[in-house]
């Protein structure tokens, strides 16, 4: 199932399937190690706004909500 980072539950894992933005957006994320095909885990997000904390390529990164809405993840199904 595909979800953006905002829609994912805390601690949920998956693989980035697409980045819905232009070249500047993609280049900015790429510089942080966030790219299509990368394994990702949402650590936490604030329900009232604020950044979303993720783990990607063994690094913890805070991503703004606007960017998080544009990062689409193929979520792993939990048992």
Protein backbone atom coordinates (compact mmCIF):
# COMPACT_ATOMS: atom_id res chain seq x y z
CA UNK A 1 0.00 0.00 0.00
CA UNK A 2 1.36 3.44 -0.92
CA UNK A 3 1.22 6.31 1.57
CA UNK A 4 3.00 9.60 1.99
CA UNK A 5 5.13 10.12 5.11
CA UNK A 6 2.33 12.02 6.88
CA UNK A 7 -0.08 9.09 6.45
CA UNK A 8 2.39 6.47 7.74
CA UNK A 9 2.15 5.26 11.33
CA UNK A 10 5.06 5.80 13.72
CA UNK A 11 7.67 2.99 13.42
CA UNK A 12 6.23 1.88 10.05
CA UNK A 13 8.79 0.88 7.39
CA UNK A 14 8.80 0.83 3.61
CA UNK A 15 10.58 1.74 0.40
CA UNK A 16 10.37 5.15 -1.25
CA UNK A 17 8.44 4.67 -4.49
CA UNK A 18 8.31 8.26 -5.74
CA UNK A 19 9.20 11.86 -4.97
CA UNK A 20 6.44 14.20 -6.15
CA UNK A 21 8.35 17.37 -6.88
CA UNK A 22 10.63 19.11 -9.32
CA UNK A 23 14.38 18.90 -9.81
CA UNK A 24 15.19 21.27 -6.92
CA UNK A 25 13.07 19.17 -4.53
CA UNK A 26 14.62 15.89 -5.71
CA UNK A 27 18.17 17.27 -5.52
CA UNK A 28 17.61 18.60 -2.01
CA UNK A 29 16.33 15.22 -0.81
CA UNK A 30 19.10 13.37 -2.65
CA UNK A 31 21.70 15.44 -0.79
CA UNK A 32 20.17 14.09 2.45
CA UNK A 33 20.27 10.48 1.21
CA UNK A 34 16.55 10.34 0.43
CA UNK A 35 15.89 8.87 -3.02
CA UNK A 36 13.56 6.49 -4.82
CA UNK A 37 14.25 2.89 -3.83
CA UNK A 38 15.69 3.78 -0.41
CA UNK A 39 14.42 1.88 2.63
CA UNK A 40 12.81 4.24 5.14
CA UNK A 41 11.25 4.15 8.59
CA UNK A 42 9.03 6.84 10.08
CA UNK A 43 10.16 7.38 13.64
CA UNK A 44 7.63 9.99 14.70
CA UNK A 45 5.48 12.85 13.47
CA UNK A 46 3.64 15.59 15.32
CA UNK A 47 -0.13 15.57 14.80
CA UNK A 48 -0.36 19.36 15.18
CA UNK A 49 2.26 20.11 12.55
CA UNK A 50 6.01 20.31 12.68
CA UNK A 51 8.63 18.03 11.17
CA UNK A 52 8.48 14.27 10.60
CA UNK A 53 11.45 12.31 11.93
CA UNK A 54 12.59 9.47 9.66
CA UNK A 55 15.42 6.97 9.48
CA UNK A 56 17.01 6.42 6.08
CA UNK A 57 20.42 4.89 5.25
CA UNK A 58 21.29 4.63 9.00
CA UNK A 59 20.70 8.37 9.56
CA UNK A 60 17.86 10.10 11.41
CA UNK A 61 16.54 13.10 9.49
CA UNK A 62 13.81 15.64 10.25
CA UNK A 63 11.72 16.47 7.17
CA UNK A 64 9.26 19.36 7.03
CA UNK A 65 5.58 18.48 6.62
CA UNK A 66 5.36 20.00 3.14
CA UNK A 67 8.20 17.81 1.93
CA UNK A 68 6.87 14.77 3.82
CA UNK A 69 3.58 15.00 1.91
CA UNK A 70 5.50 14.63 -1.37
CA UNK A 71 7.50 11.54 -0.36
CA UNK A 72 5.50 8.45 -1.38
CA UNK A 73 6.37 5.14 0.29
CA UNK A 74 5.40 1.55 -0.51
CA UNK A 75 4.64 0.54 3.07
CA UNK A 76 5.56 -2.91 4.40
CA UNK A 77 2.53 -4.81 5.61
CA UNK A 78 2.72 -5.58 9.32
CA UNK A 79 1.64 -8.97 10.62
